[in-house]
Amino acid sequence: MVSPENVKWSTSAKAEIENISKYLMREWGIIVLTKFLLKVDRLIDQIIINPKQYPEINIRLKITE
């Protein structure tokens, strides 16, 4: 089984999560930011447990699983 530490984030995904986090912290505060990050962590856990539940989609290359 893959552990959360082994999940690979794309450069754009890292930038996006950082931008969202900064926005949430600035506009809504630490509580909302923490809730958001916990939901992201839970979704990653779900993907690790059942990766077929969230198939990879690459629109640019027109690839789906």
N, C-alpha and C. Protein backbone atom coordinates (compact mmCIF):
# COMPACT_ATOMS: atom_id res chain seq x y z
N MET A 1 0.84 -1.19 0.00
CA MET A 1 0.00 0.00 0.00
C MET A 1 0.88 1.24 0.00
N VAL A 2 0.44 2.27 -0.69
CA VAL A 2 1.16 3.53 -0.75
C VAL A 2 0.84 4.34 0.49
N SER A 3 1.85 4.95 1.07
CA SER A 3 1.61 5.81 2.22
C SER A 3 1.48 7.25 1.74
N PRO A 4 0.81 8.11 2.53
CA PRO A 4 0.64 9.51 2.12
C PRO A 4 1.95 10.23 1.82
N GLU A 5 3.03 9.80 2.47
CA GLU A 5 4.33 10.42 2.24
C GLU A 5 4.84 10.13 0.83
N ASN A 6 4.36 9.05 0.23
CA ASN A 6 4.81 8.65 -1.11
C ASN A 6 3.94 9.19 -2.23
N VAL A 7 2.91 9.96 -1.89
CA VAL A 7 2.05 10.55 -2.91
C VAL A 7 2.84 11.65 -3.61
N LYS A 8 2.82 11.61 -4.94
CA LYS A 8 3.56 12.60 -5.73
C LYS A 8 2.62 13.71 -6.18
N TRP A 9 2.95 14.93 -5.81
CA TRP A 9 2.16 16.10 -6.20
C TRP A 9 2.86 16.75 -7.39
N SER A 10 2.08 17.13 -8.39
CA SER A 10 2.65 17.86 -9.51
C SER A 10 3.03 19.26 -9.04
N THR A 11 3.88 19.90 -9.81
CA THR A 11 4.29 21.27 -9.48
C THR A 11 3.09 22.19 -9.43
N SER A 12 2.19 22.05 -10.39
CA SER A 12 1.01 22.92 -10.41
C SER A 12 0.07 22.62 -9.23
N ALA A 13 -0.05 21.35 -8.84
CA ALA A 13 -0.89 21.00 -7.69
C ALA A 13 -0.32 21.59 -6.41
N LYS A 14 1.00 21.52 -6.25
CA LYS A 14 1.64 22.12 -5.07
C LYS A 14 1.39 23.62 -5.02
N ALA A 15 1.55 24.28 -6.15
CA ALA A 15 1.34 25.73 -6.22
C ALA A 15 -0.12 26.07 -5.92
N GLU A 16 -1.03 25.27 -6.45
CA GLU A 16 -2.45 25.53 -6.25
C GLU A 16 -2.85 25.35 -4.79
N ILE A 17 -2.38 24.28 -4.15
CA ILE A 17 -2.72 24.07 -2.74
C ILE A 17 -2.12 25.16 -1.87
N GLU A 18 -0.93 25.63 -2.23
CA GLU A 18 -0.30 26.72 -1.49
C GLU A 18 -1.09 28.02 -1.65
N ASN A 19 -1.53 28.31 -2.87
CA ASN A 19 -2.32 29.53 -3.10
C ASN A 19 -3.66 29.47 -2.39
N ILE A 20 -4.32 28.32 -2.44
CA ILE A 20 -5.59 28.17 -1.73
C ILE A 20 -5.38 28.33 -0.23
N SER A 21 -4.32 27.73 0.29
CA SER A 21 -4.03 27.82 1.73
C SER A 21 -3.78 29.26 2.16
N LYS A 22 -3.01 29.98 1.37
CA LYS A 22 -2.75 31.40 1.69
C LYS A 22 -4.04 32.21 1.68
N TYR A 23 -4.87 31.96 0.67
CA TYR A 23 -6.14 32.68 0.58
C TYR A 23 -7.03 32.38 1.78
N LEU A 24 -7.20 31.10 2.09
CA LEU A 24 -8.05 30.72 3.21
C LEU A 24 -7.55 31.31 4.52
N MET A 25 -6.24 31.28 4.73
CA MET A 25 -5.68 31.84 5.96
C MET A 25 -5.94 33.34 6.04
N ARG A 26 -5.72 34.02 4.93
CA ARG A 26 -5.88 35.48 4.90
C ARG A 26 -7.35 35.89 5.06
N GLU A 27 -8.24 35.21 4.35
CA GLU A 27 -9.64 35.62 4.32
C GLU A 27 -10.51 34.99 5.41
N TRP A 28 -10.16 33.77 5.84
CA TRP A 28 -11.04 33.04 6.75
C TRP A 28 -10.38 32.58 8.05
N GLY A 29 -9.05 32.53 8.08
CA GLY A 29 -8.36 32.18 9.32
C GLY A 29 -7.96 30.71 9.42
N ILE A 30 -7.29 30.43 10.51
CA ILE A 30 -6.67 29.13 10.74
C ILE A 30 -7.68 27.99 10.85
N ILE A 31 -8.85 28.25 11.40
CA ILE A 31 -9.83 27.17 11.58
C ILE A 31 -10.31 26.65 10.22
N VAL A 32 -10.67 27.56 9.33
CA VAL A 32 -11.14 27.16 8.00
C VAL A 32 -10.00 26.51 7.22
N LEU A 33 -8.81 27.06 7.31
CA LEU A 33 -7.66 26.47 6.64
C LEU A 33 -7.41 25.05 7.13
N THR A 34 -7.44 24.85 8.42
CA THR A 34 -7.23 23.53 9.00
C THR A 34 -8.28 22.53 8.54
N LYS A 35 -9.55 22.95 8.51
CA LYS A 35 -10.63 22.07 8.04
C LYS A 35 -10.40 21.68 6.59
N PHE A 36 -10.00 22.65 5.77
CA PHE A 36 -9.74 22.38 4.36
C PHE A 36 -8.61 21.36 4.20
N LEU A 37 -7.50 21.58 4.91
CA LEU A 37 -6.35 20.68 4.79
C LEU A 37 -6.68 19.28 5.30
N LEU A 38 -7.51 19.18 6.32
CA LEU A 38 -7.93 17.87 6.81
C LEU A 38 -8.77 17.14 5.76
N LYS A 39 -9.64 17.89 5.06
CA LYS A 39 -10.45 17.28 3.99
C LYS A 39 -9.56 16.80 2.85
N VAL A 40 -8.56 17.59 2.50
CA VAL A 40 -7.62 17.18 1.46
C VAL A 40 -6.91 15.90 1.88
N ASP A 41 -6.45 15.85 3.13
CA ASP A 41 -5.77 14.66 3.64
C ASP A 41 -6.68 13.43 3.58
N ARG A 42 -7.95 13.60 3.94
CA ARG A 42 -8.89 12.47 3.90
C ARG A 42 -9.11 11.98 2.47
N LEU A 43 -9.20 12.92 1.54
CA LEU A 43 -9.37 12.54 0.13
C LEU A 43 -8.14 11.79 -0.39
N ILE A 44 -6.96 12.24 0.00
CA ILE A 44 -5.73 11.55 -0.40
C ILE A 44 -5.73 10.14 0.18
N ASP A 45 -6.14 10.00 1.43
CA ASP A 45 -6.24 8.68 2.05
C ASP A 45 -7.19 7.78 1.26
N GLN A 46 -8.34 8.33 0.82
CA GLN A 46 -9.29 7.57 0.03
C GLN A 46 -8.68 7.12 -1.29
N ILE A 47 -7.95 8.01 -1.92
CA ILE A 47 -7.31 7.68 -3.20
C ILE A 47 -6.28 6.57 -3.01
N ILE A 48 -5.53 6.63 -1.91
CA ILE A 48 -4.53 5.60 -1.63
C ILE A 48 -5.20 4.25 -1.42
N ILE A 49 -6.31 4.23 -0.69
CA ILE A 49 -7.01 2.99 -0.41
C ILE A 49 -7.69 2.43 -1.66
N ASN A 50 -8.29 3.30 -2.46
CA ASN A 50 -9.04 2.86 -3.63
C ASN A 50 -8.75 3.79 -4.81
N PRO A 51 -7.60 3.63 -5.45
CA PRO A 51 -7.22 4.54 -6.53
C PRO A 51 -8.15 4.52 -7.73
N LYS A 52 -8.82 3.40 -7.98
CA LYS A 52 -9.75 3.32 -9.12
C LYS A 52 -11.00 4.18 -8.92
N GLN A 53 -11.25 4.58 -7.68
CA GLN A 53 -12.39 5.45 -7.38
C GLN A 53 -12.22 6.83 -8.01
N TYR A 54 -10.97 7.23 -8.20
CA TYR A 54 -10.64 8.53 -8.79
C TYR A 54 -9.67 8.31 -9.95
N PRO A 55 -10.16 7.94 -11.13
CA PRO A 55 -9.26 7.66 -12.24
C PRO A 55 -8.51 8.90 -12.71
N GLU A 56 -7.30 8.67 -13.19
CA GLU A 56 -6.48 9.76 -13.71
C GLU A 56 -7.08 10.26 -15.02
N ILE A 57 -7.10 11.58 -15.15
CA ILE A 57 -7.60 12.20 -16.38
C ILE A 57 -6.59 13.24 -16.83
N ASN A 58 -6.16 13.13 -18.06
CA ASN A 58 -5.26 14.11 -18.65
C ASN A 58 -5.96 14.68 -19.87
N ILE A 59 -6.59 15.83 -19.69
CA ILE A 59 -7.39 16.44 -20.77
C ILE A 59 -6.52 16.82 -21.95
N ARG A 60 -5.34 17.37 -21.67
CA ARG A 60 -4.46 17.83 -22.74
C ARG A 60 -4.08 16.69 -23.67
N LEU A 61 -3.76 15.54 -23.10
CA LEU A 61 -3.38 14.38 -23.91
C LEU A 61 -4.55 13.47 -24.24
N LYS A 62 -5.73 13.83 -23.76
CA LYS A 62 -6.96 13.06 -24.00
C LYS A 62 -6.82 11.62 -23.50
N ILE A 63 -6.28 11.48 -22.28
CA ILE A 63 -6.05 10.17 -21.68
C ILE A 63 -6.96 10.03 -20.46
N THR A 64 -7.68 8.92 -20.40
CA THR A 64 -8.45 8.59 -19.20
C THR A 64 -8.22 7.13 -18.89
N GLU A 65 -8.37 6.78 -17.65
CA GLU A 65 -8.25 5.37 -17.24
C GLU A 65 -9.60 4.75 -17.18
